[in-house]
Amino acid sequence: MDRAGLFSIGTIGKMFHLSVSSLRHYEAIGLLTPEYIDPESGYRYYSTRQFEVLNTIRYLRALDMPLQEISDFMGKSGCGTNGGKNAAAKASSHRKTETIEMY
């Protein structure tokens, strides 16, 4: 397989400030699957098409949205160009509701 345009798991971790173990966990729970896994080495590679999903995951985690909720929503929305925006709006709304309930 031609790996042009693919980034190793370590490179993605550095680019998105995520640990390699977090990326492996996202794969294990079905949240983010690598674009390509080398059958000989087991190395995981990600493409630029996955950057929006990675940014969305990071943003929603910063808003304290649980991974299961992120996974459920992204699965239902398809997380294309609109899915990430919808997930962010839902998280923001959820966060505001929690804040209001605290008072």
PDB file of N, CA and C in Angstrom:
ATOM      1  N   MET A   1       0.851  -1.198   0.000  1.00  0.00           N
ATOM      2  CA  MET A   1       0.000   0.000   0.000  1.00  0.00           C
ATOM      3  C   MET A   1       0.880   1.239   0.000  1.00  0.00           C
ATOM      4  N   ASP A   2       0.513   2.202  -0.790  1.00  0.00           N
ATOM      5  CA  ASP A   2       1.209   3.480  -0.838  1.00  0.00           C
ATOM      6  C   ASP A   2       0.799   4.293   0.388  1.00  0.00           C
ATOM      7  N   ARG A   3       1.773   4.667   1.201  1.00  0.00           N
ATOM      8  CA  ARG A   3       1.456   5.385   2.433  1.00  0.00           C
ATOM      9  C   ARG A   3       1.556   6.897   2.292  1.00  0.00           C
ATOM     10  N   ALA A   4       1.591   7.388   1.065  1.00  0.00           N
ATOM     11  CA  ALA A   4       1.597   8.830   0.843  1.00  0.00           C
ATOM     12  C   ALA A   4       0.288   9.407   1.362  1.00  0.00           C
ATOM     13  N   GLY A   5       0.372  10.469   2.121  1.00  0.00           N
ATOM     14  CA  GLY A   5      -0.826  11.089   2.671  1.00  0.00           C
ATOM     15  C   GLY A   5      -1.311  10.435   3.950  1.00  0.00           C
ATOM     16  N   LEU A   6      -0.579   9.452   4.441  1.00  0.00           N
ATOM     17  CA  LEU A   6      -0.935   8.797   5.692  1.00  0.00           C
ATOM     18  C   LEU A   6       0.047   9.206   6.783  1.00  0.00           C
ATOM     19  N   PHE A   7      -0.445   9.252   7.999  1.00  0.00           N
ATOM     20  CA  PHE A   7       0.367   9.669   9.140  1.00  0.00           C
ATOM     21  C   PHE A   7       0.367   8.548  10.180  1.00  0.00           C
ATOM     22  N   SER A   8       1.533   8.293  10.753  1.00  0.00           N
ATOM     23  CA  SER A   8       1.634   7.245  11.765  1.00  0.00           C
ATOM     24  C   SER A   8       0.873   7.652  13.019  1.00  0.00           C
ATOM     25  N   ILE A   9       0.571   6.691  13.850  1.00  0.00           N
ATOM     26  CA  ILE A   9      -0.169   6.940  15.072  1.00  0.00           C
ATOM     27  C   ILE A   9       0.592   7.919  15.986  1.00  0.00           C
ATOM     28  N   GLY A  10       1.910   7.807  16.016  1.00  0.00           N
ATOM     29  CA  GLY A  10       2.720   8.726  16.829  1.00  0.00           C
ATOM     30  C   GLY A  10       2.649  10.158  16.318  1.00  0.00           C
ATOM     31  N   THR A  11       2.687  10.312  15.009  1.00  0.00           N
ATOM     32  CA  THR A  11       2.596  11.641  14.404  1.00  0.00           C
ATOM     33  C   THR A  11       1.219  12.254  14.670  1.00  0.00           C
ATOM     34  N   ILE A  12       0.179  11.451  14.519  1.00  0.00           N
ATOM     35  CA  ILE A  12      -1.180  11.935  14.783  1.00  0.00           C
ATOM     36  C   ILE A  12      -1.307  12.336  16.248  1.00  0.00           C
ATOM     37  N   GLY A  13      -0.749  11.528  17.134  1.00  0.00           N
ATOM     38  CA  GLY A  13      -0.788  11.851  18.557  1.00  0.00           C
ATOM     39  C   GLY A  13      -0.174  13.207  18.841  1.00  0.00           C
ATOM     40  N   LYS A  14       0.965  13.475  18.235  1.00  0.00           N
ATOM     41  CA  LYS A  14       1.628  14.773  18.424  1.00  0.00           C
ATOM     42  C   LYS A  14       0.826  15.913  17.803  1.00  0.00           C
ATOM     43  N   MET A  15       0.289  15.677  16.624  1.00  0.00           N
ATOM     44  CA  MET A  15      -0.460  16.726  15.926  1.00  0.00           C
ATOM     45  C   MET A  15      -1.721  17.132  16.685  1.00  0.00           C
ATOM     46  N   PHE A  16      -2.395  16.147  17.304  1.00  0.00           N
ATOM     47  CA  PHE A  16      -3.671  16.411  17.954  1.00  0.00           C
ATOM     48  C   PHE A  16      -3.592  16.379  19.480  1.00  0.00           C
ATOM     49  N   HIS A  17      -2.367  16.312  19.988  1.00  0.00           N
ATOM     50  CA  HIS A  17      -2.143  16.301  21.440  1.00  0.00           C
ATOM     51  C   HIS A  17      -2.931  15.186  22.109  1.00  0.00           C
ATOM     52  N   LEU A  18      -2.843  14.005  21.523  1.00  0.00           N
ATOM     53  CA  LEU A  18      -3.482  12.807  22.054  1.00  0.00           C
ATOM     54  C   LEU A  18      -2.412  11.747  22.277  1.00  0.00           C
ATOM     55  N   SER A  19      -2.585  10.953  23.296  1.00  0.00           N
ATOM     56  CA  SER A  19      -1.625   9.873  23.528  1.00  0.00           C
ATOM     57  C   SER A  19      -1.903   8.732  22.548  1.00  0.00           C
ATOM     58  N   VAL A  20      -0.869   7.959  22.289  1.00  0.00           N
ATOM     59  CA  VAL A  20      -1.012   6.794  21.426  1.00  0.00           C
ATOM     60  C   VAL A  20      -2.005   5.825  22.054  1.00  0.00           C
ATOM     61  N   SER A  21      -1.966   5.702  23.368  1.00  0.00           N
ATOM     62  CA  SER A  21      -2.908   4.784  24.033  1.00  0.00           C
ATOM     63  C   SER A  21      -4.352   5.271  23.874  1.00  0.00           C
ATOM     64  N   SER A  22      -4.577   6.582  23.870  1.00  0.00           N
ATOM     65  CA  SER A  22      -5.931   7.108  23.634  1.00  0.00           C
ATOM     66  C   SER A  22      -6.397   6.756  22.226  1.00  0.00           C
ATOM     67  N   LEU A  23      -5.532   6.912  21.251  1.00  0.00           N
ATOM     68  CA  LEU A  23      -5.889   6.577  19.871  1.00  0.00           C
ATOM     69  C   LEU A  23      -6.196   5.085  19.740  1.00  0.00           C
ATOM     70  N   ARG A  24      -5.422   4.255  20.418  1.00  0.00           N
ATOM     71  CA  ARG A  24      -5.699   2.809  20.388  1.00  0.00           C
ATOM     72  C   ARG A  24      -7.031   2.504  21.075  1.00  0.00           C
ATOM     73  N   HIS A  25      -7.305   3.225  22.145  1.00  0.00           N
ATOM     74  CA  HIS A  25      -8.583   3.035  22.843  1.00  0.00           C
ATOM     75  C   HIS A  25      -9.752   3.452  21.949  1.00  0.00           C
ATOM     76  N   TYR A  26      -9.607   4.574  21.239  1.00  0.00           N
ATOM     77  CA  TYR A  26     -10.657   5.024  20.324  1.00  0.00           C
ATOM     78  C   TYR A  26     -10.920   3.950  19.269  1.00  0.00           C
ATOM     79  N   GLU A  27      -9.871   3.285  18.824  1.00  0.00           N
ATOM     80  CA  GLU A  27     -10.036   2.206  17.855  1.00  0.00           C
ATOM     81  C   GLU A  27     -10.765   1.024  18.506  1.00  0.00           C
ATOM     82  N   ALA A  28     -10.379   0.683  19.722  1.00  0.00           N
ATOM     83  CA  ALA A  28     -10.968  -0.469  20.414  1.00  0.00           C
ATOM     84  C   ALA A  28     -12.467  -0.303  20.649  1.00  0.00           C
ATOM     85  N   ILE A  29     -12.905   0.925  20.900  1.00  0.00           N
ATOM     86  CA  ILE A  29     -14.330   1.151  21.147  1.00  0.00           C
ATOM     87  C   ILE A  29     -15.083   1.514  19.865  1.00  0.00           C
ATOM     88  N   GLY A  30     -14.389   1.548  18.743  1.00  0.00           N
ATOM     89  CA  GLY A  30     -15.030   1.808  17.462  1.00  0.00           C
ATOM     90  C   GLY A  30     -15.273   3.271  17.162  1.00  0.00           C
ATOM     91  N   LEU A  31     -14.623   4.148  17.895  1.00  0.00           N
ATOM     92  CA  LEU A  31     -14.810   5.581  17.683  1.00  0.00           C
ATOM     93  C   LEU A  31     -14.013   6.093  16.486  1.00  0.00           C
ATOM     94  N   LEU A  32     -12.800   5.584  16.323  1.00  0.00           N
ATOM     95  CA  LEU A  32     -11.930   6.032  15.229  1.00  0.00           C
ATOM     96  C   LEU A  32     -11.056   4.865  14.787  1.00  0.00           C
ATOM     97  N   THR A  33     -11.257   4.421  13.575  1.00  0.00           N
ATOM     98  CA  THR A  33     -10.483   3.315  13.031  1.00  0.00           C
ATOM     99  C   THR A  33      -9.384   3.871  12.130  1.00  0.00           C
ATOM    100  N   PRO A  34      -8.149   3.377  12.281  1.00  0.00           N
ATOM    101  CA  PRO A  34      -7.086   3.849  11.387  1.00  0.00           C
ATOM    102  C   PRO A  34      -7.440   3.605   9.919  1.00  0.00           C
ATOM    103  N   GLU A  35      -6.949   4.465   9.081  1.00  0.00           N
ATOM    104  CA  GLU A  35      -7.175   4.325   7.635  1.00  0.00           C
ATOM    105  C   GLU A  35      -6.510   3.047   7.127  1.00  0.00           C
ATOM    106  N   TYR A  36      -5.354   2.731   7.691  1.00  0.00           N
ATOM    107  CA  TYR A  36      -4.590   1.573   7.224  1.00  0.00           C
ATOM    108  C   TYR A  36      -3.794   1.010   8.393  1.00  0.00           C
ATOM    109  N   ILE A  37      -3.780  -0.308   8.510  1.00  0.00           N
ATOM    110  CA  ILE A  37      -2.935  -0.986   9.489  1.00  0.00           C
ATOM    111  C   ILE A  37      -2.015  -1.910   8.711  1.00  0.00           C
ATOM    112  N   ASP A  38      -0.727  -1.706   8.861  1.00  0.00           N
ATOM    113  CA  ASP A  38       0.261  -2.522   8.163  1.00  0.00           C
ATOM    114  C   ASP A  38       0.155  -3.959   8.675  1.00  0.00           C
ATOM    115  N   PRO A  39      -0.124  -4.905   7.795  1.00  0.00           N
ATOM    116  CA  PRO A  39      -0.310  -6.286   8.244  1.00  0.00           C
ATOM    117  C   PRO A  39       0.960  -6.924   8.817  1.00  0.00           C
ATOM    118  N   GLU A  40       2.117  -6.455   8.381  1.00  0.00           N
ATOM    119  CA  GLU A  40       3.374  -7.031   8.865  1.00  0.00           C
ATOM    120  C   GLU A  40       3.798  -6.444  10.212  1.00  0.00           C
ATOM    121  N   SER A  41       3.709  -5.123  10.332  1.00  0.00           N
ATOM    122  CA  SER A  41       4.207  -4.468  11.542  1.00  0.00           C
ATOM    123  C   SER A  41       3.103  -4.150  12.553  1.00  0.00           C
ATOM    124  N   GLY A  42       1.862  -4.064  12.086  1.00  0.00           N
ATOM    125  CA  GLY A  42       0.759  -3.679  12.963  1.00  0.00           C
ATOM    126  C   GLY A  42       0.679  -2.177  13.176  1.00  0.00           C
ATOM    127  N   TYR A  43       1.554  -1.413  12.523  1.00  0.00           N
ATOM    128  CA  TYR A  43       1.532   0.044  12.659  1.00  0.00           C
ATOM    129  C   TYR A  43       0.222   0.592  12.129  1.00  0.00           C
ATOM    130  N   ARG A  44      -0.287   1.589  12.817  1.00  0.00           N
ATOM    131  CA  ARG A  44      -1.546   2.225  12.433  1.00  0.00           C
ATOM    132  C   ARG A  44      -1.256   3.548  11.721  1.00  0.00           C
ATOM    133  N   TYR A  45      -2.009   3.800  10.671  1.00  0.00           N
ATOM    134  CA  TYR A  45      -1.849   5.031   9.898  1.00  0.00           C
ATOM    135  C   TYR A  45      -3.205   5.707   9.728  1.00  0.00           C
ATOM    136  N   TYR A  46      -3.189   7.023   9.778  1.00  0.00           N
ATOM    137  CA  TYR A  46      -4.398   7.836   9.659  1.00  0.00           C
ATOM    138  C   TYR A  46      -4.250   8.786   8.489  1.00  0.00           C
ATOM    139  N   SER A  47      -5.388   9.167   7.898  1.00  0.00           N
ATOM    140  CA  SER A  47      -5.355  10.067   6.743  1.00  0.00           C
ATOM    141  C   SER A  47      -5.919  11.433   7.119  1.00  0.00           C
ATOM    142  N   THR A  48      -5.727  12.378   6.218  1.00  0.00           N
ATOM    143  CA  THR A  48      -6.243  13.733   6.441  1.00  0.00           C
ATOM    144  C   THR A  48      -7.768  13.739   6.502  1.00  0.00           C
ATOM    145  N   ARG A  49      -8.412  12.740   5.900  1.00  0.00           N
ATOM    146  CA  ARG A  49      -9.881  12.653   5.964  1.00  0.00           C
ATOM    147  C   ARG A  49     -10.369  12.457   7.395  1.00  0.00           C
ATOM    148  N   GLN A  50      -9.488  12.013   8.281  1.00  0.00           N
ATOM    149  CA  GLN A  50      -9.872  11.749   9.662  1.00  0.00           C
ATOM    150  C   GLN A  50      -9.596  12.929  10.592  1.00  0.00           C
ATOM    151  N   PHE A  51      -9.017  13.988  10.065  1.00  0.00           N
ATOM    152  CA  PHE A  51      -8.666  15.134  10.903  1.00  0.00           C
ATOM    153  C   PHE A  51      -9.897  15.790  11.526  1.00  0.00           C
ATOM    154  N   GLU A  52     -10.982  15.902  10.766  1.00  0.00           N
ATOM    155  CA  GLU A  52     -12.187  16.529  11.309  1.00  0.00           C
ATOM    156  C   GLU A  52     -12.738  15.711  12.474  1.00  0.00           C
ATOM    157  N   VAL A  53     -12.729  14.394  12.319  1.00  0.00           N
ATOM    158  CA  VAL A  53     -13.207  13.524  13.396  1.00  0.00           C
ATOM    159  C   VAL A  53     -12.319  13.681  14.628  1.00  0.00           C
ATOM    160  N   LEU A  54     -11.020  13.712  14.425  1.00  0.00           N
ATOM    161  CA  LEU A  54     -10.091  13.891  15.541  1.00  0.00           C
ATOM    162  C   LEU A  54     -10.309  15.227  16.247  1.00  0.00           C
ATOM    163  N   ASN A  55     -10.479  16.281  15.475  1.00  0.00           N
ATOM    164  CA  ASN A  55     -10.746  17.595  16.070  1.00  0.00           C
ATOM    165  C   ASN A  55     -12.062  17.588  16.850  1.00  0.00           C
ATOM    166  N   THR A  56     -13.070  16.942  16.294  1.00  0.00           N
ATOM    167  CA  THR A  56     -14.365  16.868  16.963  1.00  0.00           C
ATOM    168  C   THR A  56     -14.253  16.108  18.279  1.00  0.00           C
ATOM    169  N   ILE A  57     -13.564  14.979  18.262  1.00  0.00           N
ATOM    170  CA  ILE A  57     -13.375  14.199  19.486  1.00  0.00           C
ATOM    171  C   ILE A  57     -12.662  15.035  20.543  1.00  0.00           C
ATOM    172  N   ARG A  58     -11.600  15.705  20.156  1.00  0.00           N
ATOM    173  CA  ARG A  58     -10.856  16.526  21.121  1.00  0.00           C
ATOM    174  C   ARG A  58     -11.733  17.635  21.697  1.00  0.00           C
ATOM    175  N   TYR A  59     -12.499  18.282  20.851  1.00  0.00           N
ATOM    176  CA  TYR A  59     -13.365  19.375  21.287  1.00  0.00           C
ATOM    177  C   TYR A  59     -14.423  18.875  22.266  1.00  0.00           C
ATOM    178  N   LEU A  60     -15.070  17.775  21.914  1.00  0.00           N
ATOM    179  CA  LEU A  60     -16.128  17.243  22.774  1.00  0.00           C
ATOM    180  C   LEU A  60     -15.570  16.704  24.093  1.00  0.00           C
ATOM    181  N   ARG A  61     -14.393  16.131  24.052  1.00  0.00           N
ATOM    182  CA  ARG A  61     -13.765  15.680  25.300  1.00  0.00           C
ATOM    183  C   ARG A  61     -13.429  16.881  26.184  1.00  0.00           C
ATOM    184  N   ALA A  62     -13.020  17.991  25.572  1.00  0.00           N
ATOM    185  CA  ALA A  62     -12.732  19.214  26.341  1.00  0.00           C
ATOM    186  C   ALA A  62     -13.998  19.737  27.021  1.00  0.00           C
ATOM    187  N   LEU A  63     -15.156  19.419  26.446  1.00  0.00           N
ATOM    188  CA  LEU A  63     -16.435  19.801  27.041  1.00  0.00           C
ATOM    189  C   LEU A  63     -16.954  18.717  27.988  1.00  0.00           C
ATOM    190  N   ASP A  64     -16.108  17.742  28.299  1.00  0.00           N
ATOM    191  CA  ASP A  64     -16.437  16.644  29.216  1.00  0.00           C
ATOM    192  C   ASP A  64     -17.533  15.711  28.724  1.00  0.00           C
ATOM    193  N   MET A  65     -17.710  15.604  27.421  1.00  0.00           N
ATOM    194  CA  MET A  65     -18.677  14.645  26.902  1.00  0.00           C
ATOM    195  C   MET A  65     -18.042  13.254  26.983  1.00  0.00           C
ATOM    196  N   PRO A  66     -18.754  12.278  27.565  1.00  0.00           N
ATOM    197  CA  PRO A  66     -18.212  10.917  27.663  1.00  0.00           C
ATOM    198  C   PRO A  66     -17.994  10.292  26.286  1.00  0.00           C
ATOM    199  N   LEU A  67     -16.984   9.431  26.194  1.00  0.00           N
ATOM    200  CA  LEU A  67     -16.668   8.792  24.919  1.00  0.00           C
ATOM    201  C   LEU A  67     -17.846   7.998  24.366  1.00  0.00           C
ATOM    202  N   GLN A  68     -18.577   7.332  25.216  1.00  0.00           N
ATOM    203  CA  GLN A  68     -19.721   6.547  24.739  1.00  0.00           C
ATOM    204  C   GLN A  68     -20.762   7.443  24.076  1.00  0.00           C
ATOM    205  N   GLU A  69     -20.992   8.602  24.658  1.00  0.00           N
ATOM    206  CA  GLU A  69     -21.950   9.541  24.074  1.00  0.00           C
ATOM    207  C   GLU A  69     -21.432  10.096  22.745  1.00  0.00           C
ATOM    208  N   ILE A  70     -20.139  10.383  22.682  1.00  0.00           N
ATOM    209  CA  ILE A  70     -19.529  10.848  21.426  1.00  0.00           C
ATOM    210  C   ILE A  70     -19.675   9.757  20.368  1.00  0.00           C
ATOM    211  N   SER A  71     -19.356   8.532  20.752  1.00  0.00           N
ATOM    212  CA  SER A  71     -19.435   7.404  19.827  1.00  0.00           C
ATOM    213  C   SER A  71     -20.860   7.194  19.327  1.00  0.00           C
ATOM    214  N   ASP A  72     -21.818   7.219  20.246  1.00  0.00           N
ATOM    215  CA  ASP A  72     -23.220   7.044  19.854  1.00  0.00           C
ATOM    216  C   ASP A  72     -23.654   8.125  18.875  1.00  0.00           C
ATOM    217  N   PHE A  73     -23.325   9.355  19.191  1.00  0.00           N
ATOM    218  CA  PHE A  73     -23.754  10.461  18.344  1.00  0.00           C
ATOM    219  C   PHE A  73     -23.081  10.417  16.978  1.00  0.00           C
ATOM    220  N   MET A  74     -21.779  10.183  16.956  1.00  0.00           N
ATOM    221  CA  MET A  74     -21.065  10.160  15.680  1.00  0.00           C
ATOM    222  C   MET A  74     -21.544   9.005  14.813  1.00  0.00           C
ATOM    223  N   GLY A  75     -21.895   7.903  15.439  1.00  0.00           N
ATOM    224  CA  GLY A  75     -22.420   6.768  14.687  1.00  0.00           C
ATOM    225  C   GLY A  75     -23.759   7.077  14.057  1.00  0.00           C
ATOM    226  N   LYS A  76     -24.599   7.794  14.778  1.00  0.00           N
ATOM    227  CA  LYS A  76     -25.924   8.145  14.271  1.00  0.00           C
ATOM    228  C   LYS A  76     -25.855   9.241  13.217  1.00  0.00           C
ATOM    229  N   SER A  77     -24.904  10.167  13.412  1.00  0.00           N
ATOM    230  CA  SER A  77     -24.843  11.306  12.504  1.00  0.00           C
ATOM    231  C   SER A  77     -23.989  11.038  11.271  1.00  0.00           C
ATOM    232  N   GLY A  78     -23.172   9.993  11.324  1.00  0.00           N
ATOM    233  CA  GLY A  78     -22.277   9.725  10.216  1.00  0.00           C
ATOM    234  C   GLY A  78     -21.021  10.570  10.288  1.00  0.00           C
ATOM    235  N   CYS A  79     -20.984  11.518  11.151  1.00  0.00           N
ATOM    236  CA  CYS A  79     -19.859  12.428  11.380  1.00  0.00           C
ATOM    237  C   CYS A  79     -19.142  12.846  10.103  1.00  0.00           C
ATOM    238  N   GLY A  80     -19.899  13.273   9.157  1.00  0.00           N
ATOM    239  CA  GLY A  80     -19.292  13.875   7.978  1.00  0.00           C
ATOM    240  C   GLY A  80     -19.037  15.328   8.297  1.00  0.00           C
ATOM    241  N   THR A  81     -19.209  16.188   7.344  1.00  0.00           N
ATOM    242  CA  THR A  81     -18.970  17.605   7.593  1.00  0.00           C
ATOM    243  C   THR A  81     -19.977  18.182   8.564  1.00  0.00           C
ATOM    244  N   ASN A  82     -21.187  17.642   8.591  1.00  0.00           N
ATOM    245  CA  ASN A  82     -22.214  18.158   9.477  1.00  0.00           C
ATOM    246  C   ASN A  82     -22.223  17.463  10.832  1.00  0.00           C
ATOM    247  N   GLY A  83     -21.809  16.193  10.878  1.00  0.00           N
ATOM    248  CA  GLY A  83     -21.858  15.436  12.113  1.00  0.00           C
ATOM    249  C   GLY A  83     -21.061  16.049  13.241  1.00  0.00           C
ATOM    250  N   GLY A  84     -19.865  16.508  12.949  1.00  0.00           N
ATOM    251  CA  GLY A  84     -19.037  17.119  13.976  1.00  0.00           C
ATOM    252  C   GLY A  84     -19.643  18.397  14.518  1.00  0.00           C
ATOM    253  N   LYS A  85     -20.244  19.186  13.643  1.00  0.00           N
ATOM    254  CA  LYS A  85     -20.889  20.432  14.072  1.00  0.00           C
ATOM    255  C   LYS A  85     -22.107  20.131  14.940  1.00  0.00           C
ATOM    256  N   ASN A  86     -22.874  19.114  14.563  1.00  0.00           N
ATOM    257  CA  ASN A  86     -24.037  18.737  15.359  1.00  0.00           C
ATOM    258  C   ASN A  86     -23.617  18.217  16.722  1.00  0.00           C
ATOM    259  N   ALA A  87     -22.568  17.421  16.767  1.00  0.00           N
ATOM    260  CA  ALA A  87     -22.085  16.893  18.037  1.00  0.00           C
ATOM    261  C   ALA A  87     -21.612  18.021  18.938  1.00  0.00           C
ATOM    262  N   ALA A  88     -20.927  18.990  18.362  1.00  0.00           N
ATOM    263  CA  ALA A  88     -20.449  20.134  19.142  1.00  0.00           C
ATOM    264  C   ALA A  88     -21.620  20.942  19.690  1.00  0.00           C
ATOM    265  N   ALA A  89     -22.637  21.136  18.883  1.00  0.00           N
ATOM    266  CA  ALA A  89     -23.812  21.887  19.339  1.00  0.00           C
ATOM    267  C   ALA A  89     -24.527  21.139  20.449  1.00  0.00           C
ATOM    268  N   LYS A  90     -24.645  19.823  20.306  1.00  0.00           N
ATOM    269  CA  LYS A  90     -25.301  19.016  21.331  1.00  0.00           C
ATOM    270  C   LYS A  90     -24.504  19.083  22.635  1.00  0.00           C
ATOM    271  N   ALA A  91     -23.189  18.985  22.549  1.00  0.00           N
ATOM    272  CA  ALA A  91     -22.355  19.043  23.754  1.00  0.00           C
ATOM    273  C   ALA A  91     -22.465  20.392  24.434  1.00  0.00           C
ATOM    274  N   SER A  92     -22.460  21.441  23.650  1.00  0.00           N
ATOM    275  CA  SER A  92     -22.579  22.786  24.208  1.00  0.00           C
ATOM    276  C   SER A  92     -23.918  22.953  24.915  1.00  0.00           C
ATOM    277  N   SER A  93     -24.977  22.467  24.298  1.00  0.00           N
ATOM    278  CA  SER A  93     -26.303  22.548  24.893  1.00  0.00           C
ATOM    279  C   SER A  93     -26.378  21.726  26.172  1.00  0.00           C
ATOM    280  N   HIS A  94     -25.792  20.535  26.144  1.00  0.00           N
ATOM    281  CA  HIS A  94     -25.764  19.663  27.316  1.00  0.00           C
ATOM    282  C   HIS A  94     -25.023  20.331  28.467  1.00  0.00           C
ATOM    283  N   ARG A  95     -23.910  20.960  28.140  1.00  0.00           N
ATOM    284  CA  ARG A  95     -23.089  21.633  29.153  1.00  0.00           C
ATOM    285  C   ARG A  95     -23.858  22.809  29.779  1.00  0.00           C
ATOM    286  N   LYS A  96     -24.564  23.586  28.946  1.00  0.00           N
ATOM    287  CA  LYS A  96     -25.340  24.727  29.454  1.00  0.00           C
ATOM    288  C   LYS A  96     -26.456  24.245  30.370  1.00  0.00           C
ATOM    289  N   THR A  97     -27.092  23.137  29.994  1.00  0.00           N
ATOM    290  CA  THR A  97     -28.162  22.583  30.825  1.00  0.00           C
ATOM    291  C   THR A  97     -27.625  22.159  32.185  1.00  0.00           C
ATOM    292  N   GLU A  98     -26.459  21.515  32.194  1.00  0.00           N
ATOM    293  CA  GLU A  98     -25.851  21.106  33.468  1.00  0.00           C
ATOM    294  C   GLU A  98     -25.534  22.318  34.328  1.00  0.00           C
ATOM    295  N   THR A  99     -25.037  23.374  33.714  1.00  0.00           N
ATOM    296  CA  THR A  99     -24.694  24.588  34.455  1.00  0.00           C
ATOM    297  C   THR A  99     -25.939  25.215  35.056  1.00  0.00           C
ATOM    298  N   ILE A 100     -27.010  25.289  34.305  1.00  0.00           N
ATOM    299  CA  ILE A 100     -28.264  25.870  34.793  1.00  0.00           C
ATOM    300  C   ILE A 100     -28.805  25.046  35.952  1.00  0.00           C
ATOM    301  N   GLU A 101     -28.746  23.735  35.837  1.00  0.00           N
ATOM    302  CA  GLU A 101     -29.252  22.856  36.886  1.00  0.00           C
ATOM    303  C   GLU A 101     -28.472  23.003  38.179  1.00  0.00           C
ATOM    304  N   MET A 102     -27.213  23.408  38.082  1.00  0.00           N
ATOM    305  CA  MET A 102     -26.379  23.584  39.278  1.00  0.00           C
ATOM    306  C   MET A 102     -26.865  24.757  40.128  1.00  0.00           C
ATOM    307  N   TYR A 103     -27.489  25.730  39.500  1.00  0.00           N
ATOM    308  CA  TYR A 103     -27.926  26.928  40.210  1.00  0.00           C
ATOM    309  C   TYR A 103     -29.326  26.765  40.597  1.00  0.00           C
TER     310      TYR A 103
END
